Amino acid sequence: MVKDSYDVAVIGGGAAGLGAALTLARARRSVLVVDDGTPRNAPAGHVHNYLTRDGTPPSELLAAGRAEVAGYGGEIVDGRVVTARRTDDGTFTVELADGGPVRARRVIVTTGLVDELPDVPGLASRWGRDVLHCPYCHGWEVRDRSIAVLATTTAWALHQALLFRQLSSDITVLLHTASDPDPDERERLDARGIRVVSGKVAEIEVTGDRLSGVRLVSGEVVGCDALVVAPRFVARTEVFTGLGLHPREHVVNGHVLGSAIPADPSGATDVPGVWVAGNVTNLAAQVIGAAAGGVATAGAVNADLVEEDTRLAVEQRRRRHDASSTEDEREA
């Protein structure tokens, strides 16, 4: 049963949120995790590059994390936060869709991001399977296969093509909506044996529940076993407005990767009492990085609460001392 008040409310129950909650619970903080059950990596079959847990299905990793948090007294509720706002006394009110308001001294937002995929028929249904974006998350699984890169921005597509070239010698760049490579870019691709195909992609070709290629608007079919795309990574914004958080565009080498909530290295935002961790602030974080970010942010939040607890204790001690001194003066 959800209580009325907690030290920390964690909004989002993925790797970052659970990592933060575990750390706080072990520090004997009362912590509530609110999770709406829509993890970003749900379409993926396995989590990779997570030391000692490589190949674990995402749902199993989250279930194990939840159990660990609960084992230290942390509370997890399946639900959705409607809004969160800072109150006049500096605490926060978090409104749940299926429950009353919850008061929290601090808030950690770990809602993650949404992958906005290129608008190509058939592409979304293959996402996380044989339509990929990260060579470190899924590259090993398509090694030595035929890999095509869907270009929506030339420079970024070439960057992806060169990364995946480390994994396979059969790489094709589909120019799609991107411009032709300039002579220097073309030379780099040629030197690595990467093919370039002009023409917009019309749809994805699937044979026996496996990606077999893409069909261009010209009717030509380009065969491939995996398709690399460049999603726009957009921070989930359900609770940002009430907290006063504002996403900013994240640009790398002139390419807009998406939007994220800016924060300092500890995860502290411009809003006092509000921290962020995981993909909502770090678009490039893999699962293990998101978990680590949650742990680090939780440490900063606990230290902040310790300072507040100590300040309040000093103030209370001084009040008691002043009251005692006043009483002694009256008796004298």
C-alpha atoms as a PDB file:
ATOM      1  CA  MET A   1       0.000   0.000   0.000  1.00  0.00           C
ATOM      2  CA  VAL A   2       1.387   3.391  -1.011  1.00  0.00           C
ATOM      3  CA  LYS A   3       2.094   5.692   1.924  1.00  0.00           C
ATOM      4  CA  ASP A   4       1.449   9.427   1.969  1.00  0.00           C
ATOM      5  CA  SER A   5       5.067  10.521   2.210  1.00  0.00           C
ATOM      6  CA  TYR A   6       8.571   9.374   1.187  1.00  0.00           C
ATOM      7  CA  ASP A   7      12.084  10.692   1.235  1.00  0.00           C
ATOM      8  CA  VAL A   8      12.392  10.131  -2.517  1.00  0.00           C
ATOM      9  CA  ALA A   9       9.962   9.432  -5.346  1.00  0.00           C
ATOM     10  CA  VAL A  10      11.561   7.773  -8.366  1.00  0.00           C
ATOM     11  CA  ILE A  11       9.509   8.236 -11.517  1.00  0.00           C
ATOM     12  CA  GLY A  12      10.372   5.386 -13.881  1.00  0.00           C
ATOM     13  CA  GLY A  13      11.289   1.806 -13.042  1.00  0.00           C
ATOM     14  CA  GLY A  14      13.896   0.864 -15.609  1.00  0.00           C
ATOM     15  CA  ALA A  15      17.571   0.211 -14.915  1.00  0.00           C
ATOM     16  CA  ALA A  16      18.258   3.798 -13.850  1.00  0.00           C
ATOM     17  CA  GLY A  17      15.224   4.029 -11.569  1.00  0.00           C
ATOM     18  CA  LEU A  18      15.813   0.662  -9.925  1.00  0.00           C
ATOM     19  CA  GLY A  19      19.530   1.378  -9.525  1.00  0.00           C
ATOM     20  CA  ALA A  20      18.669   4.639  -7.764  1.00  0.00           C
ATOM     21  CA  ALA A  21      15.991   3.024  -5.591  1.00  0.00           C
ATOM     22  CA  LEU A  22      18.279   0.180  -4.517  1.00  0.00           C
ATOM     23  CA  THR A  23      20.995   2.589  -3.431  1.00  0.00           C
ATOM     24  CA  LEU A  24      18.542   4.768  -1.512  1.00  0.00           C
ATOM     25  CA  ALA A  25      16.842   1.820   0.163  1.00  0.00           C
ATOM     26  CA  ARG A  26      20.209   0.478   1.311  1.00  0.00           C
ATOM     27  CA  ALA A  27      20.879   3.943   2.775  1.00  0.00           C
ATOM     28  CA  ARG A  28      17.650   3.458   4.787  1.00  0.00           C
ATOM     29  CA  ARG A  29      15.738   6.081   2.852  1.00  0.00           C
ATOM     30  CA  SER A  30      12.025   5.620   2.267  1.00  0.00           C
ATOM     31  CA  VAL A  31      11.690   5.394  -1.497  1.00  0.00           C
ATOM     32  CA  LEU A  32       8.794   4.875  -3.887  1.00  0.00           C
ATOM     33  CA  VAL A  33       9.280   3.787  -7.511  1.00  0.00           C
ATOM     34  CA  VAL A  34       6.390   4.485  -9.891  1.00  0.00           C
ATOM     35  CA  ASP A  35       6.642   2.515 -13.133  1.00  0.00           C
ATOM     36  CA  ASP A  36       4.178   2.469 -16.039  1.00  0.00           C
ATOM     37  CA  GLY A  37       5.539  -0.791 -17.489  1.00  0.00           C
ATOM     38  CA  THR A  38       6.750   0.549 -20.849  1.00  0.00           C
ATOM     39  CA  PRO A  39      10.537  -0.023 -20.902  1.00  0.00           C
ATOM     40  CA  ARG A  40      12.361   1.240 -23.962  1.00  0.00           C
ATOM     41  CA  ASN A  41      14.112  -2.083 -24.591  1.00  0.00           C
ATOM     42  CA  ALA A  42      10.963  -4.236 -24.410  1.00  0.00           C
ATOM     43  CA  PRO A  43      11.225  -5.228 -28.131  1.00  0.00           C
ATOM     44  CA  ALA A  44      14.765  -6.540 -27.636  1.00  0.00           C
ATOM     45  CA  GLY A  45      15.290 -10.185 -26.840  1.00  0.00           C
ATOM     46  CA  HIS A  46      18.337  -9.701 -24.644  1.00  0.00           C
ATOM     47  CA  VAL A  47      20.406  -7.122 -22.802  1.00  0.00           C
ATOM     48  CA  HIS A  48      24.053  -6.949 -23.839  1.00  0.00           C
ATOM     49  CA  ASN A  49      27.254  -5.408 -22.463  1.00  0.00           C
ATOM     50  CA  TYR A  50      25.890  -5.753 -18.922  1.00  0.00           C
ATOM     51  CA  LEU A  51      28.763  -7.381 -17.058  1.00  0.00           C
ATOM     52  CA  THR A  52      27.733 -10.770 -15.552  1.00  0.00           C
ATOM     53  CA  ARG A  53      24.244 -10.402 -17.066  1.00  0.00           C
ATOM     54  CA  ASP A  54      25.019 -10.354 -20.795  1.00  0.00           C
ATOM     55  CA  GLY A  55      22.233 -12.041 -22.746  1.00  0.00           C
ATOM     56  CA  THR A  56      19.599 -11.659 -20.018  1.00  0.00           C
ATOM     57  CA  PRO A  57      16.085 -10.893 -21.315  1.00  0.00           C
ATOM     58  CA  PRO A  58      15.111  -7.324 -20.320  1.00  0.00           C
ATOM     59  CA  SER A  59      12.043  -8.476 -18.393  1.00  0.00           C
ATOM     60  CA  GLU A  60      14.141 -10.857 -16.266  1.00  0.00           C
ATOM     61  CA  LEU A  61      16.652  -8.132 -15.451  1.00  0.00           C
ATOM     62  CA  LEU A  62      13.877  -5.779 -14.330  1.00  0.00           C
ATOM     63  CA  ALA A  63      12.184  -8.495 -12.270  1.00  0.00           C
ATOM     64  CA  ALA A  64      15.463  -9.225 -10.478  1.00  0.00           C
ATOM     65  CA  GLY A  65      16.017  -5.513  -9.871  1.00  0.00           C
ATOM     66  CA  ARG A  66      12.541  -5.079  -8.439  1.00  0.00           C
ATOM     67  CA  ALA A  67      13.074  -7.985  -6.069  1.00  0.00           C
ATOM     68  CA  GLU A  68      16.342  -6.506  -4.836  1.00  0.00           C
ATOM     69  CA  VAL A  69      14.759  -3.092  -4.214  1.00  0.00           C
ATOM     70  CA  ALA A  70      11.833  -4.663  -2.346  1.00  0.00           C
ATOM     71  CA  GLY A  71      14.251  -6.755  -0.296  1.00  0.00           C
ATOM     72  CA  TYR A  72      15.652  -3.577   1.243  1.00  0.00           C
ATOM     73  CA  GLY A  73      12.240  -2.054   1.923  1.00  0.00           C
ATOM     74  CA  GLY A  74      11.850   0.008  -1.229  1.00  0.00           C
ATOM     75  CA  GLU A  75       8.306   0.216  -2.579  1.00  0.00           C
ATOM     76  CA  ILE A  76       7.332  -0.210  -6.229  1.00  0.00           C
ATOM     77  CA  VAL A  77       3.937   0.621  -7.649  1.00  0.00           C
ATOM     78  CA  ASP A  78       2.745  -0.205 -11.160  1.00  0.00           C
ATOM     79  CA  GLY A  79       1.134   2.970 -12.368  1.00  0.00           C
ATOM     80  CA  ARG A  80       1.540   6.258 -14.105  1.00  0.00           C
ATOM     81  CA  VAL A  81       2.424   9.669 -12.788  1.00  0.00           C
ATOM     82  CA  VAL A  82      -0.067  12.253 -14.003  1.00  0.00           C
ATOM     83  CA  THR A  83       1.901  15.230 -12.799  1.00  0.00           C
ATOM     84  CA  ALA A  84       4.507  16.263 -10.268  1.00  0.00           C
ATOM     85  CA  ARG A  85       5.006  19.716  -8.838  1.00  0.00           C
ATOM     86  CA  ARG A  86       7.109  21.520  -6.271  1.00  0.00           C
ATOM     87  CA  THR A  87       5.170  22.879  -3.307  1.00  0.00           C
ATOM     88  CA  ASP A  88       5.757  26.044  -1.310  1.00  0.00           C
ATOM     89  CA  ASP A  89       7.649  24.215   1.437  1.00  0.00           C
ATOM     90  CA  GLY A  90      10.182  22.832  -1.049  1.00  0.00           C
ATOM     91  CA  THR A  91       8.807  19.294  -1.109  1.00  0.00           C
ATOM     92  CA  PHE A  92       6.987  17.690  -4.033  1.00  0.00           C
ATOM     93  CA  THR A  93       3.510  16.398  -4.707  1.00  0.00           C
ATOM     94  CA  VAL A  94       3.374  13.461  -7.124  1.00  0.00           C
ATOM     95  CA  GLU A  95      -0.091  12.654  -8.483  1.00  0.00           C
ATOM     96  CA  LEU A  96      -0.702   9.036  -9.487  1.00  0.00           C
ATOM     97  CA  ALA A  97      -3.275   8.087 -12.099  1.00  0.00           C
ATOM     98  CA  ASP A  98      -4.708   5.319  -9.913  1.00  0.00           C
ATOM     99  CA  GLY A  99      -4.168   6.711  -6.458  1.00  0.00           C
ATOM    100  CA  GLY A 100      -3.961   9.796  -4.351  1.00  0.00           C
ATOM    101  CA  PRO A 101      -1.147  12.337  -4.169  1.00  0.00           C
ATOM    102  CA  VAL A 102       2.188  11.294  -2.687  1.00  0.00           C
ATOM    103  CA  ARG A 103       4.534  13.697  -0.957  1.00  0.00           C
ATOM    104  CA  ALA A 104       8.274  13.399  -1.525  1.00  0.00           C
ATOM    105  CA  ARG A 105      11.230  15.408  -0.281  1.00  0.00           C
ATOM    106  CA  ARG A 106      13.148  14.751  -3.475  1.00  0.00           C
ATOM    107  CA  VAL A 107      12.297  13.471  -6.969  1.00  0.00           C
ATOM    108  CA  ILE A 108      14.419  11.451  -9.373  1.00  0.00           C
ATOM    109  CA  VAL A 109      13.099  11.297 -12.946  1.00  0.00           C
ATOM    110  CA  THR A 110      14.173   8.154 -14.810  1.00  0.00           C
ATOM    111  CA  THR A 111      11.426   7.964 -17.443  1.00  0.00           C
ATOM    112  CA  GLY A 112      13.848   7.173 -20.278  1.00  0.00           C
ATOM    113  CA  LEU A 113      13.224   8.027 -23.890  1.00  0.00           C
ATOM    114  CA  VAL A 114      11.171   7.129 -26.925  1.00  0.00           C
ATOM    115  CA  ASP A 115      12.818   5.978 -30.159  1.00  0.00           C
ATOM    116  CA  GLU A 116      11.140   7.850 -33.005  1.00  0.00           C
ATOM    117  CA  LEU A 117      11.820   5.621 -36.011  1.00  0.00           C
ATOM    118  CA  PRO A 118      12.040   6.549 -39.694  1.00  0.00           C
ATOM    119  CA  ASP A 119       8.657   6.366 -41.402  1.00  0.00           C
ATOM    120  CA  VAL A 120       9.175   3.310 -43.602  1.00  0.00           C
ATOM    121  CA  PRO A 121       6.382   0.717 -43.911  1.00  0.00           C
ATOM    122  CA  GLY A 122       7.234  -2.474 -42.040  1.00  0.00           C
ATOM    123  CA  LEU A 123      10.219  -1.021 -40.207  1.00  0.00           C
ATOM    124  CA  ALA A 124       8.692  -0.516 -36.742  1.00  0.00           C
ATOM    125  CA  SER A 125       7.558  -4.139 -36.427  1.00  0.00           C
ATOM    126  CA  ARG A 126      11.171  -5.321 -36.844  1.00  0.00           C
ATOM    127  CA  TRP A 127      12.604  -2.831 -34.308  1.00  0.00           C
ATOM    128  CA  GLY A 128      14.887  -4.448 -31.752  1.00  0.00           C
ATOM    129  CA  ARG A 129      15.057  -7.646 -33.787  1.00  0.00           C
ATOM    130  CA  ASP A 130      16.780  -7.109 -37.142  1.00  0.00           C
ATOM    131  CA  VAL A 131      16.204  -3.345 -37.382  1.00  0.00           C
ATOM    132  CA  LEU A 132      18.910  -1.902 -35.129  1.00  0.00           C
ATOM    133  CA  HIS A 133      20.766   1.273 -34.285  1.00  0.00           C
ATOM    134  CA  CYS A 134      23.612   0.425 -31.889  1.00  0.00           C
ATOM    135  CA  PRO A 135      26.627  -1.706 -32.820  1.00  0.00           C
ATOM    136  CA  TYR A 136      27.395  -2.297 -29.147  1.00  0.00           C
ATOM    137  CA  CYS A 137      23.884  -3.430 -28.213  1.00  0.00           C
ATOM    138  CA  HIS A 138      23.210  -5.739 -31.171  1.00  0.00           C
ATOM    139  CA  GLY A 139      26.250  -5.725 -33.442  1.00  0.00           C
ATOM    140  CA  TRP A 140      27.705  -9.065 -32.356  1.00  0.00           C
ATOM    141  CA  GLU A 141      24.422 -10.787 -33.174  1.00  0.00           C
ATOM    142  CA  VAL A 142      24.612  -9.669 -36.843  1.00  0.00           C
ATOM    143  CA  ARG A 143      28.359 -10.124 -37.307  1.00  0.00           C
ATOM    144  CA  ASP A 144      29.438 -11.349 -40.745  1.00  0.00           C
ATOM    145  CA  ARG A 145      25.898 -10.830 -42.045  1.00  0.00           C
ATOM    146  CA  SER A 146      24.689  -8.518 -44.802  1.00  0.00           C
ATOM    147  CA  ILE A 147      23.990  -5.162 -43.113  1.00  0.00           C
ATOM    148  CA  ALA A 148      22.327  -2.121 -44.693  1.00  0.00           C
ATOM    149  CA  VAL A 149      22.331   1.387 -43.216  1.00  0.00           C
ATOM    150  CA  LEU A 150      19.271   3.565 -43.838  1.00  0.00           C
ATOM    151  CA  ALA A 151      20.571   7.094 -44.342  1.00  0.00           C
ATOM    152  CA  THR A 152      18.401   9.977 -43.179  1.00  0.00           C
ATOM    153  CA  THR A 153      21.416  12.191 -42.474  1.00  0.00           C
ATOM    154  CA  THR A 154      24.528  11.592 -44.550  1.00  0.00           C
ATOM    155  CA  ALA A 155      27.218  12.228 -41.928  1.00  0.00           C
ATOM    156  CA  TRP A 156      25.507  10.138 -39.254  1.00  0.00           C
ATOM    157  CA  ALA A 157      24.770   7.262 -41.622  1.00  0.00           C
ATOM    158  CA  LEU A 158      28.424   7.159 -42.666  1.00  0.00           C
ATOM    159  CA  HIS A 159      29.433   7.133 -39.000  1.00  0.00           C
ATOM    160  CA  GLN A 160      27.135   4.148 -38.402  1.00  0.00           C
ATOM    161  CA  ALA A 161      28.355   2.382 -41.537  1.00  0.00           C
ATOM    162  CA  LEU A 162      31.983   2.625 -40.439  1.00  0.00           C
ATOM    163  CA  LEU A 163      31.118   1.340 -36.950  1.00  0.00           C
ATOM    164  CA  PHE A 164      29.265  -1.683 -38.327  1.00  0.00           C
ATOM    165  CA  ARG A 165      32.071  -2.311 -40.813  1.00  0.00           C
ATOM    166  CA  GLN A 166      34.051  -3.543 -37.802  1.00  0.00           C
ATOM    167  CA  LEU A 167      31.496  -6.362 -37.535  1.00  0.00           C
ATOM    168  CA  SER A 168      30.954  -7.320 -41.164  1.00  0.00           C
ATOM    169  CA  SER A 169      32.580  -6.855 -44.540  1.00  0.00           C
ATOM    170  CA  ASP A 170      29.155  -6.677 -46.230  1.00  0.00           C
ATOM    171  CA  ILE A 171      27.891  -3.148 -45.551  1.00  0.00           C
ATOM    172  CA  THR A 172      25.588  -1.104 -47.790  1.00  0.00           C
ATOM    173  CA  VAL A 173      24.526   2.508 -47.284  1.00  0.00           C
ATOM    174  CA  LEU A 174      21.006   3.190 -48.573  1.00  0.00           C
ATOM    175  CA  LEU A 175      20.915   6.921 -49.242  1.00  0.00           C
ATOM    176  CA  HIS A 176      17.127   7.081 -48.787  1.00  0.00           C
ATOM    177  CA  THR A 177      16.464  10.746 -47.837  1.00  0.00           C
ATOM    178  CA  ALA A 178      20.116  11.746 -47.313  1.00  0.00           C
ATOM    179  CA  SER A 179      22.311  13.612 -49.771  1.00  0.00           C
ATOM    180  CA  ASP A 180      25.100  11.998 -51.788  1.00  0.00           C
ATOM    181  CA  PRO A 181      28.415  11.631 -49.967  1.00  0.00           C
ATOM    182  CA  ASP A 182      31.003  14.241 -50.917  1.00  0.00           C
ATOM    183  CA  PRO A 183      34.285  13.085 -52.537  1.00  0.00           C
ATOM    184  CA  ASP A 184      36.098  12.737 -49.208  1.00  0.00           C
ATOM    185  CA  GLU A 185      33.235  10.759 -47.684  1.00  0.00           C
ATOM    186  CA  ARG A 186      32.998   8.567 -50.766  1.00  0.00           C
ATOM    187  CA  GLU A 187      36.721   7.847 -50.594  1.00  0.00           C
ATOM    188  CA  ARG A 188      36.420   6.739 -46.975  1.00  0.00           C
ATOM    189  CA  LEU A 189      33.558   4.401 -47.831  1.00  0.00           C
ATOM    190  CA  ASP A 190      35.335   3.000 -50.878  1.00  0.00           C
ATOM    191  CA  ALA A 191      38.475   2.371 -48.826  1.00  0.00           C
ATOM    192  CA  ARG A 192      36.457   0.231 -46.449  1.00  0.00           C
ATOM    193  CA  GLY A 193      34.562  -1.574 -49.190  1.00  0.00           C
ATOM    194  CA  ILE A 194      31.192  -0.057 -48.266  1.00  0.00           C
ATOM    195  CA  ARG A 195      28.639   0.075 -51.068  1.00  0.00           C
ATOM    196  CA  VAL A 196      26.326   3.072 -51.630  1.00  0.00           C
ATOM    197  CA  VAL A 197      22.873   2.685 -53.178  1.00  0.00           C
ATOM    198  CA  SER A 198      20.806   5.692 -54.282  1.00  0.00           C
ATOM    199  CA  GLY A 199      17.029   5.835 -54.118  1.00  0.00           C
ATOM    200  CA  LYS A 200      14.395   6.135 -51.420  1.00  0.00           C
ATOM    201  CA  VAL A 201      13.339   3.026 -49.532  1.00  0.00           C
ATOM    202  CA  ALA A 202       9.639   2.221 -50.009  1.00  0.00           C
ATOM    203  CA  GLU A 203       9.194  -0.716 -47.631  1.00  0.00           C
ATOM    204  CA  ILE A 204      10.803  -3.526 -45.698  1.00  0.00           C
ATOM    205  CA  GLU A 205      10.946  -7.019 -47.191  1.00  0.00           C
ATOM    206  CA  VAL A 206      10.361  -9.930 -44.772  1.00  0.00           C
ATOM    207  CA  THR A 207      10.635 -13.638 -45.570  1.00  0.00           C
ATOM    208  CA  GLY A 208       9.562 -16.206 -42.987  1.00  0.00           C
ATOM    209  CA  ASP A 209       9.603 -13.677 -40.143  1.00  0.00           C
ATOM    210  CA  ARG A 210      13.134 -12.594 -40.995  1.00  0.00           C
ATOM    211  CA  LEU A 211      14.270  -9.409 -42.646  1.00  0.00           C
ATOM    212  CA  SER A 212      15.391 -10.242 -46.168  1.00  0.00           C
ATOM    213  CA  GLY A 213      15.879  -6.794 -47.679  1.00  0.00           C
ATOM    214  CA  VAL A 214      14.370  -3.441 -48.566  1.00  0.00           C
ATOM    215  CA  ARG A 215      12.403  -2.427 -51.640  1.00  0.00           C
ATOM    216  CA  LEU A 216      13.236   0.924 -53.213  1.00  0.00           C
ATOM    217  CA  VAL A 217      10.621   3.155 -54.833  1.00  0.00           C
ATOM    218  CA  SER A 218      12.147   2.108 -58.162  1.00  0.00           C
ATOM    219  CA  GLY A 219      11.123  -1.474 -57.420  1.00  0.00           C
ATOM    220  CA  GLU A 220      14.687  -2.662 -56.901  1.00  0.00           C
ATOM    221  CA  VAL A 221      15.153  -4.944 -53.897  1.00  0.00           C
ATOM    222  CA  VAL A 222      18.386  -4.633 -51.941  1.00  0.00           C
ATOM    223  CA  GLY A 223      18.991  -7.750 -49.877  1.00  0.00           C
ATOM    224  CA  CYS A 224      20.141  -7.530 -46.266  1.00  0.00           C
ATOM    225  CA  ASP A 225      19.912  -9.479 -43.025  1.00  0.00           C
ATOM    226  CA  ALA A 226      19.900  -6.422 -40.759  1.00  0.00           C
ATOM    227  CA  LEU A 227      18.955  -2.792 -41.211  1.00  0.00           C
ATOM    228  CA  VAL A 228      20.629  -0.022 -39.225  1.00  0.00           C
ATOM    229  CA  VAL A 229      18.575   3.127 -38.644  1.00  0.00           C
ATOM    230  CA  ALA A 230      19.025   6.439 -36.828  1.00  0.00           C
ATOM    231  CA  PRO A 231      16.046   7.023 -34.532  1.00  0.00           C
ATOM    232  CA  ARG A 232      15.389  10.371 -32.965  1.00  0.00           C
ATOM    233  CA  PHE A 233      15.827   9.854 -29.218  1.00  0.00           C
ATOM    234  CA  VAL A 234      13.174  11.873 -27.420  1.00  0.00           C
ATOM    235  CA  ALA A 235      13.069  12.163 -23.639  1.00  0.00           C
ATOM    236  CA  ARG A 236       9.713  11.129 -22.210  1.00  0.00           C
ATOM    237  CA  THR A 237       8.032  14.328 -21.066  1.00  0.00           C
ATOM    238  CA  GLU A 238       4.938  13.247 -19.118  1.00  0.00           C
ATOM    239  CA  VAL A 239       5.942  14.889 -15.839  1.00  0.00           C
ATOM    240  CA  PHE A 240       8.366  17.565 -16.988  1.00  0.00           C
ATOM    241  CA  THR A 241       5.994  20.519 -17.237  1.00  0.00           C
ATOM    242  CA  GLY A 242       4.814  20.400 -13.634  1.00  0.00           C
ATOM    243  CA  LEU A 243       8.382  20.094 -12.370  1.00  0.00           C
ATOM    244  CA  GLY A 244       9.679  22.932 -14.514  1.00  0.00           C
ATOM    245  CA  LEU A 245      12.021  20.732 -16.546  1.00  0.00           C
ATOM    246  CA  HIS A 246      12.593  21.560 -20.189  1.00  0.00           C
ATOM    247  CA  PRO A 247      14.235  19.136 -22.672  1.00  0.00           C
ATOM    248  CA  ARG A 248      16.945  20.497 -24.938  1.00  0.00           C
ATOM    249  CA  GLU A 249      18.111  19.264 -28.314  1.00  0.00           C
ATOM    250  CA  HIS A 250      21.218  17.100 -28.175  1.00  0.00           C
ATOM    251  CA  VAL A 251      23.500  17.660 -31.157  1.00  0.00           C
ATOM    252  CA  VAL A 252      26.543  15.556 -32.093  1.00  0.00           C
ATOM    253  CA  ASN A 253      28.705  16.574 -35.071  1.00  0.00           C
ATOM    254  CA  GLY A 254      25.881  18.672 -36.456  1.00  0.00           C
ATOM    255  CA  HIS A 255      23.343  15.841 -36.166  1.00  0.00           C
ATOM    256  CA  VAL A 256      20.371  16.246 -33.830  1.00  0.00           C
ATOM    257  CA  LEU A 257      20.234  12.968 -31.917  1.00  0.00           C
ATOM    258  CA  GLY A 258      17.112  13.996 -30.041  1.00  0.00           C
ATOM    259  CA  SER A 259      16.171  15.748 -26.827  1.00  0.00           C
ATOM    260  CA  ALA A 260      17.243  15.249 -23.222  1.00  0.00           C
ATOM    261  CA  ILE A 261      16.960  16.910 -19.820  1.00  0.00           C
ATOM    262  CA  PRO A 262      20.189  18.779 -19.023  1.00  0.00           C
ATOM    263  CA  ALA A 263      21.813  18.066 -15.667  1.00  0.00           C
ATOM    264  CA  ASP A 264      25.154  18.327 -13.906  1.00  0.00           C
ATOM    265  CA  PRO A 265      27.374  15.222 -13.472  1.00  0.00           C
ATOM    266  CA  SER A 266      25.468  14.207 -10.328  1.00  0.00           C
ATOM    267  CA  GLY A 267      22.133  14.309 -12.158  1.00  0.00           C
ATOM    268  CA  ALA A 268      20.956  17.522 -10.497  1.00  0.00           C
ATOM    269  CA  THR A 269      18.741  19.653 -12.730  1.00  0.00           C
ATOM    270  CA  ASP A 270      18.081  23.391 -12.688  1.00  0.00           C
ATOM    271  CA  VAL A 271      15.068  22.697 -10.456  1.00  0.00           C
ATOM    272  CA  PRO A 272      16.115  22.365  -6.787  1.00  0.00           C
ATOM    273  CA  GLY A 273      15.264  18.931  -5.441  1.00  0.00           C
ATOM    274  CA  VAL A 274      14.862  17.285  -8.847  1.00  0.00           C
ATOM    275  CA  TRP A 275      17.442  14.884 -10.270  1.00  0.00           C
ATOM    276  CA  VAL A 276      17.513  12.853 -13.493  1.00  0.00           C
ATOM    277  CA  ALA A 277      19.288   9.628 -14.457  1.00  0.00           C
ATOM    278  CA  GLY A 278      19.476   7.242 -17.383  1.00  0.00           C
ATOM    279  CA  ASN A 279      18.357   7.885 -20.955  1.00  0.00           C
ATOM    280  CA  VAL A 280      16.173  10.835 -19.996  1.00  0.00           C
ATOM    281  CA  THR A 281      19.397  12.823 -19.589  1.00  0.00           C
ATOM    282  CA  ASN A 282      22.004  10.625 -21.320  1.00  0.00           C
ATOM    283  CA  LEU A 283      20.797   9.517 -24.745  1.00  0.00           C
ATOM    284  CA  ALA A 284      23.799   7.250 -25.315  1.00  0.00           C
ATOM    285  CA  ALA A 285      23.571   5.285 -22.058  1.00  0.00           C
ATOM    286  CA  GLN A 286      23.228   1.532 -22.469  1.00  0.00           C
ATOM    287  CA  VAL A 287      21.434  -0.465 -19.772  1.00  0.00           C
ATOM    288  CA  ILE A 288      24.470  -0.882 -17.548  1.00  0.00           C
ATOM    289  CA  GLY A 289      25.300   2.804 -17.927  1.00  0.00           C
ATOM    290  CA  ALA A 290      21.749   3.789 -17.028  1.00  0.00           C
ATOM    291  CA  ALA A 291      21.889   1.596 -13.912  1.00  0.00           C
ATOM    292  CA  ALA A 292      25.230   3.115 -12.930  1.00  0.00           C
ATOM    293  CA  GLY A 293      23.833   6.597 -13.500  1.00  0.00           C
ATOM    294  CA  GLY A 294      20.960   5.819 -11.172  1.00  0.00           C
ATOM    295  CA  VAL A 295      23.342   4.628  -8.464  1.00  0.00           C
ATOM    296  CA  ALA A 296      25.492   7.764  -8.737  1.00  0.00           C
ATOM    297  CA  THR A 297      22.502  10.089  -8.697  1.00  0.00           C
ATOM    298  CA  ALA A 298      21.033   8.317  -5.667  1.00  0.00           C
ATOM    299  CA  GLY A 299      24.277   8.919  -3.797  1.00  0.00           C
ATOM    300  CA  ALA A 300      24.044  12.631  -4.562  1.00  0.00           C
ATOM    301  CA  VAL A 301      20.400  12.752  -3.473  1.00  0.00           C
ATOM    302  CA  ASN A 302      21.131  10.946  -0.203  1.00  0.00           C
ATOM    303  CA  ALA A 303      24.013  13.325   0.534  1.00  0.00           C
ATOM    304  CA  ASP A 304      21.690  16.258  -0.107  1.00  0.00           C
ATOM    305  CA  LEU A 305      19.117  14.802   2.301  1.00  0.00           C
ATOM    306  CA  VAL A 306      21.806  14.199   4.923  1.00  0.00           C
ATOM    307  CA  GLU A 307      22.739  17.874   4.757  1.00  0.00           C
ATOM    308  CA  GLU A 308      19.094  18.865   5.138  1.00  0.00           C
ATOM    309  CA  ASP A 309      18.551  16.429   8.016  1.00  0.00           C
ATOM    310  CA  THR A 310      21.596  17.833   9.790  1.00  0.00           C
ATOM    311  CA  ARG A 311      20.513  21.448   9.235  1.00  0.00           C
ATOM    312  CA  LEU A 312      17.050  20.688  10.616  1.00  0.00           C
ATOM    313  CA  ALA A 313      18.564  18.873  13.612  1.00  0.00           C
ATOM    314  CA  VAL A 314      20.811  21.865  14.380  1.00  0.00           C
ATOM    315  CA  GLU A 315      17.849  24.236  14.137  1.00  0.00           C
ATOM    316  CA  GLN A 316      15.805  22.033  16.458  1.00  0.00           C
ATOM    317  CA  ARG A 317      18.678  21.816  18.942  1.00  0.00           C
ATOM    318  CA  ARG A 318      19.048  25.587  18.950  1.00  0.00           C
ATOM    319  CA  ARG A 319      15.313  26.038  19.549  1.00  0.00           C
ATOM    320  CA  ARG A 320      15.446  23.653  22.497  1.00  0.00           C
ATOM    321  CA  HIS A 321      18.492  25.479  23.849  1.00  0.00           C
ATOM    322  CA  ASP A 322      16.840  28.864  23.448  1.00  0.00           C
ATOM    323  CA  ALA A 323      13.654  27.597  25.125  1.00  0.00           C
ATOM    324  CA  SER A 324      15.676  26.157  28.011  1.00  0.00           C
ATOM    325  CA  SER A 325      17.614  29.402  28.424  1.00  0.00           C
ATOM    326  CA  THR A 326      14.391  31.401  28.490  1.00  0.00           C
ATOM    327  CA  GLU A 327      12.938  29.104  31.158  1.00  0.00           C
ATOM    328  CA  ASP A 328      16.085  29.404  33.286  1.00  0.00           C
ATOM    329  CA  GLU A 329      15.863  33.198  33.083  1.00  0.00           C
ATOM    330  CA  ARG A 330      12.240  33.134  34.258  1.00  0.00           C
ATOM    331  CA  GLU A 331      13.080  30.914  37.214  1.00  0.00           C
ATOM    332  CA  ALA A 332      15.973  33.203  38.119  1.00  0.00           C
END
